Amino acid sequence: MEKIRKGDEVIVLTGRDKKRRGTVLQRVDADHVLVEGINVVKKHVKGNPMAGTQGGIIDKTMPIHISNVAIFNPETGKADRVGVKVEDGSKVRVFRSSGAVVGAKA
């Protein structure tokens, strides 16, 4: 079971974007995620008049390793680890610190 999924709010633990929060846009592969507004780089793009694209410098969100982010716990306001618990025959993600279900509306 994936501990961090698309749509989760995460906080960056290391790197130049440390302590910044964002929403997971996509899981690139098993080890990388795209986070909104995190790890943004400048990319030089060559124009293509046949395709109608203009060249220049664009901002591009790059993937970040999943070990460098942690799920954000809104109750405590801090990063938290995720565990898996079986409830009513199905697996649910829970916060390790409080045992509350991840994504449950309070």
Protein backbone atom coordinates (compact mmCIF):
# COMPACT_ATOMS: atom_id res chain seq x y z
CA MET A 1 0.00 0.00 0.00
CA GLU A 2 1.31 3.43 -0.93
CA LYS A 3 1.89 5.59 2.12
CA ILE A 4 1.92 8.84 0.12
CA ARG A 5 -0.71 9.23 -2.59
CA LYS A 6 -1.88 11.78 -5.13
CA GLY A 7 -3.75 14.61 -3.40
CA ASP A 8 -1.97 14.27 -0.03
CA GLU A 9 -0.52 17.37 1.60
CA VAL A 10 3.16 16.81 2.27
CA ILE A 11 5.99 18.78 3.85
CA VAL A 12 9.57 18.73 2.53
CA LEU A 13 12.15 17.41 5.01
CA THR A 14 15.44 18.18 3.22
CA GLY A 15 16.87 20.28 0.42
CA ARG A 16 16.43 23.86 -0.69
CA ASP A 17 12.64 23.68 -0.23
CA LYS A 18 12.88 22.42 3.36
CA LYS A 19 9.80 23.13 5.56
CA ARG A 20 7.63 24.08 2.56
CA ARG A 21 4.28 22.38 2.04
CA GLY A 22 2.49 21.34 -1.12
CA THR A 23 0.03 18.89 -2.61
CA VAL A 24 1.15 15.75 -4.41
CA LEU A 25 0.23 16.13 -8.08
CA GLN A 26 1.40 12.74 -9.30
CA ARG A 27 3.44 9.64 -8.47
CA VAL A 28 6.14 9.54 -11.15
CA ASP A 29 7.32 6.08 -10.14
CA ALA A 30 7.61 4.06 -6.94
CA ASP A 31 10.26 6.41 -5.50
CA HIS A 32 9.43 9.89 -6.85
CA VAL A 33 6.52 12.32 -6.56
CA LEU A 34 5.63 15.66 -8.14
CA VAL A 35 4.69 18.22 -5.49
CA GLU A 36 2.94 21.46 -6.41
CA GLY A 37 5.34 24.42 -6.14
CA ILE A 38 8.25 22.33 -4.84
CA ASN A 39 11.55 21.64 -6.66
CA VAL A 40 10.79 24.17 -9.42
CA VAL A 41 13.64 24.69 -11.89
CA LYS A 42 14.24 26.97 -14.88
CA LYS A 43 14.27 25.09 -18.17
CA HIS A 44 15.54 26.55 -21.44
CA VAL A 45 13.19 25.53 -24.24
CA LYS A 46 13.93 25.84 -27.94
CA GLY A 47 11.07 27.20 -30.02
CA ASN A 48 9.41 25.17 -32.77
CA PRO A 49 7.59 27.30 -35.35
CA MET A 50 6.11 24.20 -37.03
CA ALA A 51 4.35 23.18 -33.79
CA GLY A 52 3.60 26.78 -32.82
CA THR A 53 5.58 26.69 -29.57
CA GLN A 54 7.61 29.66 -28.44
CA GLY A 55 11.09 29.32 -27.05
CA GLY A 56 12.36 30.83 -23.82
CA ILE A 57 12.88 30.03 -20.17
CA ILE A 58 10.03 28.23 -18.40
CA ASP A 59 9.49 27.08 -14.82
CA LYS A 60 9.14 23.32 -14.53
CA THR A 61 8.27 21.22 -11.49
CA MET A 62 10.70 18.32 -11.15
CA PRO A 63 10.14 15.10 -9.19
CA ILE A 64 11.40 14.80 -5.62
CA HIS A 65 12.37 11.56 -3.89
CA ILE A 66 9.69 10.19 -1.61
CA SER A 67 12.16 9.85 1.27
CA ASN A 68 12.56 13.66 1.30
CA VAL A 69 8.88 14.34 1.99
CA ALA A 70 6.55 13.39 4.84
CA ILE A 71 2.78 13.59 5.07
CA PHE A 72 1.51 16.68 6.90
CA ASN A 73 -0.69 16.13 9.95
CA PRO A 74 -3.15 19.07 10.23
CA GLU A 75 -3.99 18.23 13.87
CA THR A 76 -0.43 18.70 15.11
CA GLY A 77 0.80 21.03 12.36
CA LYS A 78 3.90 18.88 11.85
CA ALA A 79 5.20 16.14 9.60
CA ASP A 80 4.11 12.64 10.53
CA ARG A 81 4.77 9.04 9.63
CA VAL A 82 2.10 6.81 8.16
CA GLY A 83 1.08 3.34 9.29
CA VAL A 84 -1.42 0.86 7.95
CA LYS A 85 -4.27 -0.58 10.03
CA VAL A 86 -7.01 -3.03 9.09
CA GLU A 87 -10.52 -1.73 9.76
CA ASP A 88 -13.63 -3.66 8.75
CA GLY A 89 -11.61 -5.94 6.47
CA SER A 90 -9.93 -3.13 4.52
CA LYS A 91 -6.59 -1.42 4.95
CA VAL A 92 -6.55 2.26 5.94
CA ARG A 93 -3.67 4.68 6.40
CA VAL A 94 -3.28 6.14 9.89
CA PHE A 95 -0.98 8.73 11.45
CA ARG A 96 1.61 7.07 13.67
CA SER A 97 1.51 9.80 16.32
CA SER A 98 -2.25 9.90 16.93
CA GLY A 99 -3.70 6.84 15.22
CA ALA A 100 -6.20 9.01 13.32
CA VAL A 101 -7.12 7.97 9.80
CA VAL A 102 -5.29 9.93 7.08
CA GLY A 103 -7.67 12.09 5.05
CA ALA A 104 -10.63 11.62 7.39
CA LYS A 105 -12.71 14.73 7.96
CA ALA A 106 -12.87 15.61 11.63
